[in-house]
Amino acid sequence: MRFSLQKAYSFLAFVLIFFTGSVQIFAQADNSNFKNYQLAAPRVAKAYAQYNDLLKKQFEAKGLNYPPKNIYIRAFKAQNELEIWVKNNDNDTFTLFKQYKICALSGSLGPKRWEGDRQVPEGYYFISNFNPSSDFYLSLLLSYPNYSDMLLGNKADPGGDIYIHGGCVTIGCLPMQDEGIQEIYTLCLNAKINGQNNIPVHIFPTRFNKAGLNFLGREYADDVNRQRFWINLKAGYDHFERTHTLYPVMYNQEGKYIY
């Protein structure tokens, strides 16, 4: 039986379409199950009912599509600030949507290196879990430790369970108070439902502007390890400030971020 090249291409196209369609169906089913599970939780349902329409109006006022499909979170420890950035599609650049106040911080400037050091991590992470029944109202788990943290920190016990959460108490997390976390959780929930599986969260010691650099140089002049780490982080910060786009997160064998 002869099998022409044209038939082979047609068969391959059918397989690709079938496989792609199947993946999309499964992804939609997963997202639907995720949404139903989350909204079945009383605190999530309350936050969604209270803030979803308000956030939609705020997005529309800034010319942003709602619900969001692509958001980016960055935080600055020295300023106690957390920002939400949004873009409408993959080809857009990010637009600042809103800035929130971080209620409290523990530790000092510098990365987290071991369990119990009370440090808020610094580096490039993403949201890895949504907790609808947190001890701190609602919480979003960060992907700490990442590969860099594992290499540069305590390999046996680098710590973990770092969250963006409600309330105003912390030992290494980012507490946003209950009102703030309800908004942020609703935004991230919508982005996740709309297909953004990895929501990036970048945490910096300070804004790497002139004032911030002068402060780090003055207060941490003798701390060579922190200075080297911050120089490495600054390259990613500078790229976003110039372009409002993100580098992919990559590492070398020494635990440095590479761009």
C-alpha atoms as a PDB file:
ATOM      1  CA  MET A   1       0.000   0.000   0.000  1.00  0.00           C
ATOM      2  CA  ARG A   2       1.476   3.331  -1.037  1.00  0.00           C
ATOM      3  CA  PHE A   3       1.489   6.156   1.526  1.00  0.00           C
ATOM      4  CA  SER A   4       2.073   9.478  -0.214  1.00  0.00           C
ATOM      5  CA  LEU A   5       3.936  12.371   1.325  1.00  0.00           C
ATOM      6  CA  GLN A   6       0.795  14.475   1.075  1.00  0.00           C
ATOM      7  CA  LYS A   7      -1.159  11.879   3.056  1.00  0.00           C
ATOM      8  CA  ALA A   8       1.636  11.743   5.624  1.00  0.00           C
ATOM      9  CA  TYR A   9       1.482  15.513   6.085  1.00  0.00           C
ATOM     10  CA  SER A  10      -2.305  15.368   6.351  1.00  0.00           C
ATOM     11  CA  PHE A  11      -2.102  12.628   8.967  1.00  0.00           C
ATOM     12  CA  LEU A  12       0.539  14.543  10.929  1.00  0.00           C
ATOM     13  CA  ALA A  13      -1.593  17.690  10.805  1.00  0.00           C
ATOM     14  CA  PHE A  14      -4.575  15.714  12.103  1.00  0.00           C
ATOM     15  CA  VAL A  15      -2.500  14.296  14.978  1.00  0.00           C
ATOM     16  CA  LEU A  16      -1.179  17.743  15.896  1.00  0.00           C
ATOM     17  CA  ILE A  17      -4.636  19.309  15.800  1.00  0.00           C
ATOM     18  CA  PHE A  18      -6.106  16.442  17.811  1.00  0.00           C
ATOM     19  CA  PHE A  19      -3.290  16.530  20.367  1.00  0.00           C
ATOM     20  CA  THR A  20      -3.326  20.337  20.694  1.00  0.00           C
ATOM     21  CA  GLY A  21      -7.093  20.360  20.991  1.00  0.00           C
ATOM     22  CA  SER A  22      -6.954  17.650  23.640  1.00  0.00           C
ATOM     23  CA  VAL A  23      -4.390  19.588  25.653  1.00  0.00           C
ATOM     24  CA  GLN A  24      -6.531  22.709  25.455  1.00  0.00           C
ATOM     25  CA  ILE A  25      -9.602  20.772  26.592  1.00  0.00           C
ATOM     26  CA  PHE A  26      -7.726  19.266  29.531  1.00  0.00           C
ATOM     27  CA  ALA A  27      -6.268  22.688  30.436  1.00  0.00           C
ATOM     28  CA  GLN A  28      -9.723  24.261  30.330  1.00  0.00           C
ATOM     29  CA  ALA A  29     -11.094  21.468  32.509  1.00  0.00           C
ATOM     30  CA  ASP A  30      -8.248  21.911  35.006  1.00  0.00           C
ATOM     31  CA  ASN A  31      -8.812  25.662  35.128  1.00  0.00           C
ATOM     32  CA  SER A  32     -12.545  25.156  35.606  1.00  0.00           C
ATOM     33  CA  ASN A  33     -11.941  22.686  38.452  1.00  0.00           C
ATOM     34  CA  PHE A  34      -9.437  25.062  40.017  1.00  0.00           C
ATOM     35  CA  LYS A  35     -11.897  27.955  39.836  1.00  0.00           C
ATOM     36  CA  ASN A  36     -14.724  25.899  41.322  1.00  0.00           C
ATOM     37  CA  TYR A  37     -12.514  24.637  44.152  1.00  0.00           C
ATOM     38  CA  GLN A  38     -11.278  28.121  44.997  1.00  0.00           C
ATOM     39  CA  LEU A  39     -14.662  29.831  44.857  1.00  0.00           C
ATOM     40  CA  ALA A  40     -16.129  27.130  47.084  1.00  0.00           C
ATOM     41  CA  ALA A  41     -13.923  28.488  49.874  1.00  0.00           C
ATOM     42  CA  PRO A  42     -15.835  31.186  51.837  1.00  0.00           C
ATOM     43  CA  ARG A  43     -12.959  33.659  52.021  1.00  0.00           C
ATOM     44  CA  VAL A  44     -12.216  33.428  48.314  1.00  0.00           C
ATOM     45  CA  ALA A  45     -15.891  33.741  47.429  1.00  0.00           C
ATOM     46  CA  LYS A  46     -16.158  36.829  49.632  1.00  0.00           C
ATOM     47  CA  ALA A  47     -13.049  38.431  48.142  1.00  0.00           C
ATOM     48  CA  TYR A  48     -14.196  37.686  44.594  1.00  0.00           C
ATOM     49  CA  ALA A  49     -17.668  39.072  45.189  1.00  0.00           C
ATOM     50  CA  GLN A  50     -16.323  42.209  46.844  1.00  0.00           C
ATOM     51  CA  TYR A  51     -13.390  43.061  44.573  1.00  0.00           C
ATOM     52  CA  ASN A  52     -13.839  41.503  41.142  1.00  0.00           C
ATOM     53  CA  ASP A  53     -16.159  44.182  39.704  1.00  0.00           C
ATOM     54  CA  LEU A  54     -14.139  46.967  41.333  1.00  0.00           C
ATOM     55  CA  LEU A  55     -10.896  45.630  39.848  1.00  0.00           C
ATOM     56  CA  LYS A  56     -12.565  45.346  36.443  1.00  0.00           C
ATOM     57  CA  LYS A  57     -13.475  49.058  36.532  1.00  0.00           C
ATOM     58  CA  GLN A  58      -9.953  49.987  37.619  1.00  0.00           C
ATOM     59  CA  PHE A  59      -8.486  47.923  34.770  1.00  0.00           C
ATOM     60  CA  GLU A  60     -10.797  49.542  32.234  1.00  0.00           C
ATOM     61  CA  ALA A  61      -9.781  52.994  33.481  1.00  0.00           C
ATOM     62  CA  LYS A  62      -6.165  52.141  32.622  1.00  0.00           C
ATOM     63  CA  GLY A  63      -7.013  50.607  29.253  1.00  0.00           C
ATOM     64  CA  LEU A  64      -6.288  47.073  30.476  1.00  0.00           C
ATOM     65  CA  ASN A  65      -8.289  43.977  29.597  1.00  0.00           C
ATOM     66  CA  TYR A  66     -10.107  42.206  32.406  1.00  0.00           C
ATOM     67  CA  PRO A  67      -9.843  39.541  33.625  1.00  0.00           C
ATOM     68  CA  PRO A  68      -6.038  39.634  33.338  1.00  0.00           C
ATOM     69  CA  LYS A  69      -4.108  36.970  31.464  1.00  0.00           C
ATOM     70  CA  ASN A  70      -0.586  38.122  32.219  1.00  0.00           C
ATOM     71  CA  ILE A  71       0.456  39.800  35.463  1.00  0.00           C
ATOM     72  CA  TYR A  72       3.815  40.415  37.110  1.00  0.00           C
ATOM     73  CA  ILE A  73       4.475  41.169  40.762  1.00  0.00           C
ATOM     74  CA  ARG A  74       7.557  42.884  42.114  1.00  0.00           C
ATOM     75  CA  ALA A  75       8.353  43.932  45.664  1.00  0.00           C
ATOM     76  CA  PHE A  76      10.865  46.273  47.284  1.00  0.00           C
ATOM     77  CA  LYS A  77      11.830  45.527  50.862  1.00  0.00           C
ATOM     78  CA  ALA A  78      13.345  48.889  51.817  1.00  0.00           C
ATOM     79  CA  GLN A  79      10.262  50.762  50.580  1.00  0.00           C
ATOM     80  CA  ASN A  80       7.714  48.192  51.882  1.00  0.00           C
ATOM     81  CA  GLU A  81       6.081  48.281  48.458  1.00  0.00           C
ATOM     82  CA  LEU A  82       4.525  45.636  46.215  1.00  0.00           C
ATOM     83  CA  GLU A  83       3.533  46.384  42.629  1.00  0.00           C
ATOM     84  CA  ILE A  84       1.168  44.649  40.212  1.00  0.00           C
ATOM     85  CA  TRP A  85       2.029  45.021  36.525  1.00  0.00           C
ATOM     86  CA  VAL A  86      -0.234  43.843  33.679  1.00  0.00           C
ATOM     87  CA  LYS A  87      -0.035  43.337  29.930  1.00  0.00           C
ATOM     88  CA  ASN A  88      -2.939  42.596  27.609  1.00  0.00           C
ATOM     89  CA  ASN A  89      -1.158  40.056  25.397  1.00  0.00           C
ATOM     90  CA  ASP A  90       2.208  38.371  24.965  1.00  0.00           C
ATOM     91  CA  ASN A  91       3.471  41.033  22.552  1.00  0.00           C
ATOM     92  CA  ASP A  92       2.662  43.986  24.838  1.00  0.00           C
ATOM     93  CA  THR A  93       4.908  45.566  27.428  1.00  0.00           C
ATOM     94  CA  PHE A  94       3.831  45.652  31.061  1.00  0.00           C
ATOM     95  CA  THR A  95       1.826  48.567  32.490  1.00  0.00           C
ATOM     96  CA  LEU A  96       1.798  49.377  36.190  1.00  0.00           C
ATOM     97  CA  PHE A  97      -1.666  48.663  37.537  1.00  0.00           C
ATOM     98  CA  LYS A  98      -1.381  49.298  41.259  1.00  0.00           C
ATOM     99  CA  GLN A  99       0.991  49.662  44.182  1.00  0.00           C
ATOM    100  CA  TYR A 100       0.315  48.156  47.605  1.00  0.00           C
ATOM    101  CA  LYS A 101       1.934  48.718  50.980  1.00  0.00           C
ATOM    102  CA  ILE A 102       3.648  45.759  52.595  1.00  0.00           C
ATOM    103  CA  CYS A 103       2.471  45.892  56.200  1.00  0.00           C
ATOM    104  CA  ALA A 104       5.632  44.566  57.887  1.00  0.00           C
ATOM    105  CA  LEU A 105       8.977  42.934  57.130  1.00  0.00           C
ATOM    106  CA  SER A 106      11.383  40.829  59.151  1.00  0.00           C
ATOM    107  CA  GLY A 107      15.142  40.517  58.945  1.00  0.00           C
ATOM    108  CA  SER A 108      17.325  42.938  57.021  1.00  0.00           C
ATOM    109  CA  LEU A 109      18.150  43.656  53.396  1.00  0.00           C
ATOM    110  CA  GLY A 110      19.743  40.687  51.684  1.00  0.00           C
ATOM    111  CA  PRO A 111      18.671  37.245  50.475  1.00  0.00           C
ATOM    112  CA  LYS A 112      17.310  34.427  52.590  1.00  0.00           C
ATOM    113  CA  ARG A 113      19.932  31.730  53.126  1.00  0.00           C
ATOM    114  CA  TRP A 114      18.692  29.293  55.788  1.00  0.00           C
ATOM    115  CA  GLU A 115      15.692  28.264  57.847  1.00  0.00           C
ATOM    116  CA  GLY A 116      15.223  30.575  60.817  1.00  0.00           C
ATOM    117  CA  ASP A 117      17.229  33.552  59.559  1.00  0.00           C
ATOM    118  CA  ARG A 118      13.986  35.602  59.491  1.00  0.00           C
ATOM    119  CA  GLN A 119      14.914  36.947  56.055  1.00  0.00           C
ATOM    120  CA  VAL A 120      12.454  37.794  53.305  1.00  0.00           C
ATOM    121  CA  PRO A 121      13.922  36.214  50.142  1.00  0.00           C
ATOM    122  CA  GLU A 122      15.343  38.270  47.323  1.00  0.00           C
ATOM    123  CA  GLY A 123      15.359  37.020  43.767  1.00  0.00           C
ATOM    124  CA  TYR A 124      13.104  35.698  41.032  1.00  0.00           C
ATOM    125  CA  TYR A 125      10.168  33.458  41.949  1.00  0.00           C
ATOM    126  CA  PHE A 126       6.631  32.582  40.893  1.00  0.00           C
ATOM    127  CA  ILE A 127       3.397  31.738  42.697  1.00  0.00           C
ATOM    128  CA  SER A 128       3.318  27.990  43.241  1.00  0.00           C
ATOM    129  CA  ASN A 129       0.120  27.539  45.271  1.00  0.00           C
ATOM    130  CA  PHE A 130      -3.108  29.302  46.306  1.00  0.00           C
ATOM    131  CA  ASN A 131      -4.185  28.743  49.928  1.00  0.00           C
ATOM    132  CA  PRO A 132      -7.879  29.650  50.429  1.00  0.00           C
ATOM    133  CA  SER A 133      -7.898  28.815  54.147  1.00  0.00           C
ATOM    134  CA  SER A 134      -4.645  30.303  55.380  1.00  0.00           C
ATOM    135  CA  ASP A 135      -3.899  31.146  59.005  1.00  0.00           C
ATOM    136  CA  PHE A 136      -3.354  34.642  57.568  1.00  0.00           C
ATOM    137  CA  TYR A 137      -6.706  34.932  55.790  1.00  0.00           C
ATOM    138  CA  LEU A 138      -5.585  34.111  52.222  1.00  0.00           C
ATOM    139  CA  SER A 139      -2.079  33.338  51.027  1.00  0.00           C
ATOM    140  CA  LEU A 140      -0.037  32.793  47.872  1.00  0.00           C
ATOM    141  CA  LEU A 141       2.961  30.485  48.174  1.00  0.00           C
ATOM    142  CA  LEU A 142       6.210  31.562  46.498  1.00  0.00           C
ATOM    143  CA  SER A 143       8.591  29.134  44.794  1.00  0.00           C
ATOM    144  CA  TYR A 144      11.359  29.695  47.340  1.00  0.00           C
ATOM    145  CA  PRO A 145      13.959  28.213  47.378  1.00  0.00           C
ATOM    146  CA  ASN A 146      14.811  28.492  43.698  1.00  0.00           C
ATOM    147  CA  TYR A 147      17.920  27.018  42.085  1.00  0.00           C
ATOM    148  CA  SER A 148      20.057  30.021  43.054  1.00  0.00           C
ATOM    149  CA  ASP A 149      18.920  29.843  46.687  1.00  0.00           C
ATOM    150  CA  MET A 150      19.706  26.132  46.829  1.00  0.00           C
ATOM    151  CA  LEU A 151      23.254  26.662  45.612  1.00  0.00           C
ATOM    152  CA  LEU A 152      24.079  29.814  47.570  1.00  0.00           C
ATOM    153  CA  GLY A 153      22.171  29.060  50.776  1.00  0.00           C
ATOM    154  CA  ASN A 154      22.125  26.264  53.316  1.00  0.00           C
ATOM    155  CA  LYS A 155      21.739  23.210  51.097  1.00  0.00           C
ATOM    156  CA  ALA A 156      20.444  21.038  53.922  1.00  0.00           C
ATOM    157  CA  ASP A 157      17.877  23.506  55.255  1.00  0.00           C
ATOM    158  CA  PRO A 158      17.343  26.658  53.163  1.00  0.00           C
ATOM    159  CA  GLY A 159      13.895  27.242  54.658  1.00  0.00           C
ATOM    160  CA  GLY A 160      10.571  27.547  52.880  1.00  0.00           C
ATOM    161  CA  ASP A 161       6.871  28.337  53.248  1.00  0.00           C
ATOM    162  CA  ILE A 162       7.284  31.926  52.050  1.00  0.00           C
ATOM    163  CA  TYR A 163       3.945  33.555  51.269  1.00  0.00           C
ATOM    164  CA  ILE A 164       2.252  36.740  50.218  1.00  0.00           C
ATOM    165  CA  HIS A 165      -0.562  36.739  52.767  1.00  0.00           C
ATOM    166  CA  GLY A 166      -3.029  38.735  54.822  1.00  0.00           C
ATOM    167  CA  GLY A 167      -2.574  40.075  58.317  1.00  0.00           C
ATOM    168  CA  CYS A 168       0.362  42.143  59.512  1.00  0.00           C
ATOM    169  CA  VAL A 169       2.696  39.593  61.127  1.00  0.00           C
ATOM    170  CA  THR A 170       5.658  37.979  59.404  1.00  0.00           C
ATOM    171  CA  ILE A 171       8.796  35.917  59.750  1.00  0.00           C
ATOM    172  CA  GLY A 172      10.101  36.038  56.187  1.00  0.00           C
ATOM    173  CA  CYS A 173       6.825  36.576  54.300  1.00  0.00           C
ATOM    174  CA  LEU A 174       5.093  39.561  52.681  1.00  0.00           C
ATOM    175  CA  PRO A 175       1.999  40.496  54.743  1.00  0.00           C
ATOM    176  CA  MET A 176      -0.475  42.719  52.883  1.00  0.00           C
ATOM    177  CA  GLN A 177      -3.273  42.962  55.485  1.00  0.00           C
ATOM    178  CA  ASP A 178      -6.588  41.287  54.711  1.00  0.00           C
ATOM    179  CA  GLU A 179      -7.920  43.935  52.328  1.00  0.00           C
ATOM    180  CA  GLY A 180      -4.752  43.929  50.248  1.00  0.00           C
ATOM    181  CA  ILE A 181      -4.487  40.164  49.969  1.00  0.00           C
ATOM    182  CA  GLN A 182      -8.120  39.913  48.891  1.00  0.00           C
ATOM    183  CA  GLU A 183      -7.430  42.164  45.889  1.00  0.00           C
ATOM    184  CA  ILE A 184      -4.127  40.497  45.038  1.00  0.00           C
ATOM    185  CA  TYR A 185      -5.568  36.997  45.447  1.00  0.00           C
ATOM    186  CA  THR A 186      -8.509  37.878  43.175  1.00  0.00           C
ATOM    187  CA  LEU A 187      -6.165  39.205  40.490  1.00  0.00           C
ATOM    188  CA  CYS A 188      -3.891  36.172  40.651  1.00  0.00           C
ATOM    189  CA  LEU A 189      -6.880  33.817  40.710  1.00  0.00           C
ATOM    190  CA  ASN A 190      -8.247  35.383  37.526  1.00  0.00           C
ATOM    191  CA  ALA A 191      -4.843  35.217  35.824  1.00  0.00           C
ATOM    192  CA  LYS A 192      -4.474  31.555  36.771  1.00  0.00           C
ATOM    193  CA  ILE A 193      -7.975  30.718  35.535  1.00  0.00           C
ATOM    194  CA  ASN A 194      -7.158  32.488  32.268  1.00  0.00           C
ATOM    195  CA  GLY A 195      -4.099  30.318  31.675  1.00  0.00           C
ATOM    196  CA  GLN A 196      -1.163  32.020  33.400  1.00  0.00           C
ATOM    197  CA  ASN A 197       0.285  29.067  35.261  1.00  0.00           C
ATOM    198  CA  ASN A 198       3.462  30.837  36.361  1.00  0.00           C
ATOM    199  CA  ILE A 199       2.891  34.299  37.825  1.00  0.00           C
ATOM    200  CA  PRO A 200       6.338  35.867  38.335  1.00  0.00           C
ATOM    201  CA  VAL A 201       7.182  37.499  41.662  1.00  0.00           C
ATOM    202  CA  HIS A 202      10.492  39.379  41.822  1.00  0.00           C
ATOM    203  CA  ILE A 203      11.728  40.624  45.190  1.00  0.00           C
ATOM    204  CA  PHE A 204      14.444  43.288  45.435  1.00  0.00           C
ATOM    205  CA  PRO A 205      16.183  44.826  48.463  1.00  0.00           C
ATOM    206  CA  THR A 206      15.372  48.327  47.223  1.00  0.00           C
ATOM    207  CA  ARG A 207      14.775  50.210  44.019  1.00  0.00           C
ATOM    208  CA  PHE A 208      18.109  50.210  42.225  1.00  0.00           C
ATOM    209  CA  ASN A 209      17.939  53.938  41.510  1.00  0.00           C
ATOM    210  CA  LYS A 210      20.516  56.490  42.618  1.00  0.00           C
ATOM    211  CA  ALA A 211      19.101  56.825  46.136  1.00  0.00           C
ATOM    212  CA  GLY A 212      18.813  53.068  46.585  1.00  0.00           C
ATOM    213  CA  LEU A 213      22.312  52.355  45.302  1.00  0.00           C
ATOM    214  CA  ASN A 214      23.786  55.042  47.521  1.00  0.00           C
ATOM    215  CA  PHE A 215      22.036  53.508  50.530  1.00  0.00           C
ATOM    216  CA  LEU A 216      23.272  49.997  49.761  1.00  0.00           C
ATOM    217  CA  GLY A 217      26.780  51.253  49.119  1.00  0.00           C
ATOM    218  CA  ARG A 218      26.836  53.185  52.366  1.00  0.00           C
ATOM    219  CA  GLU A 219      25.176  50.674  54.693  1.00  0.00           C
ATOM    220  CA  TYR A 220      26.620  47.459  53.237  1.00  0.00           C
ATOM    221  CA  ALA A 221      29.986  48.631  51.909  1.00  0.00           C
ATOM    222  CA  ASP A 222      31.910  45.813  53.637  1.00  0.00           C
ATOM    223  CA  ASP A 223      29.463  43.019  52.767  1.00  0.00           C
ATOM    224  CA  VAL A 224      31.050  41.670  49.585  1.00  0.00           C
ATOM    225  CA  ASN A 225      28.648  38.725  49.186  1.00  0.00           C
ATOM    226  CA  ARG A 226      25.533  40.887  49.341  1.00  0.00           C
ATOM    227  CA  GLN A 227      27.037  43.484  47.020  1.00  0.00           C
ATOM    228  CA  ARG A 228      27.841  40.819  44.415  1.00  0.00           C
ATOM    229  CA  PHE A 229      24.372  39.328  44.737  1.00  0.00           C
ATOM    230  CA  TRP A 230      22.707  42.711  44.312  1.00  0.00           C
ATOM    231  CA  ILE A 231      24.817  43.545  41.244  1.00  0.00           C
ATOM    232  CA  ASN A 232      23.557  40.301  39.727  1.00  0.00           C
ATOM    233  CA  LEU A 233      19.908  41.145  40.569  1.00  0.00           C
ATOM    234  CA  LYS A 234      20.276  44.680  39.255  1.00  0.00           C
ATOM    235  CA  ALA A 235      20.768  43.483  35.674  1.00  0.00           C
ATOM    236  CA  GLY A 236      17.229  42.054  35.628  1.00  0.00           C
ATOM    237  CA  TYR A 237      15.828  45.131  37.354  1.00  0.00           C
ATOM    238  CA  ASP A 238      17.525  47.458  34.841  1.00  0.00           C
ATOM    239  CA  HIS A 239      16.202  45.475  31.883  1.00  0.00           C
ATOM    240  CA  PHE A 240      12.634  45.776  33.121  1.00  0.00           C
ATOM    241  CA  GLU A 241      13.019  49.495  33.849  1.00  0.00           C
ATOM    242  CA  ARG A 242      14.222  50.051  30.277  1.00  0.00           C
ATOM    243  CA  THR A 243      11.812  47.822  28.410  1.00  0.00           C
ATOM    244  CA  HIS A 244       8.909  46.814  30.708  1.00  0.00           C
ATOM    245  CA  THR A 245       9.558  43.248  29.592  1.00  0.00           C
ATOM    246  CA  LEU A 246      10.972  40.320  31.570  1.00  0.00           C
ATOM    247  CA  TYR A 247      14.016  38.203  30.948  1.00  0.00           C
ATOM    248  CA  PRO A 248      13.472  34.452  31.237  1.00  0.00           C
ATOM    249  CA  VAL A 249      14.839  33.229  34.567  1.00  0.00           C
ATOM    250  CA  MET A 250      18.011  31.209  34.060  1.00  0.00           C
ATOM    251  CA  TYR A 251      20.976  30.301  36.247  1.00  0.00           C
ATOM    252  CA  ASN A 252      24.576  29.239  35.895  1.00  0.00           C
ATOM    253  CA  GLN A 253      26.320  26.500  37.857  1.00  0.00           C
ATOM    254  CA  GLU A 254      27.415  28.992  40.509  1.00  0.00           C
ATOM    255  CA  GLY A 255      23.844  30.047  41.296  1.00  0.00           C
ATOM    256  CA  LYS A 256      24.036  33.401  39.531  1.00  0.00           C
ATOM    257  CA  TYR A 257      21.142  34.614  37.408  1.00  0.00           C
ATOM    258  CA  ILE A 258      22.126  34.831  33.756  1.00  0.00           C
ATOM    259  CA  TYR A 259      20.531  37.115  31.200  1.00  0.00           C
END
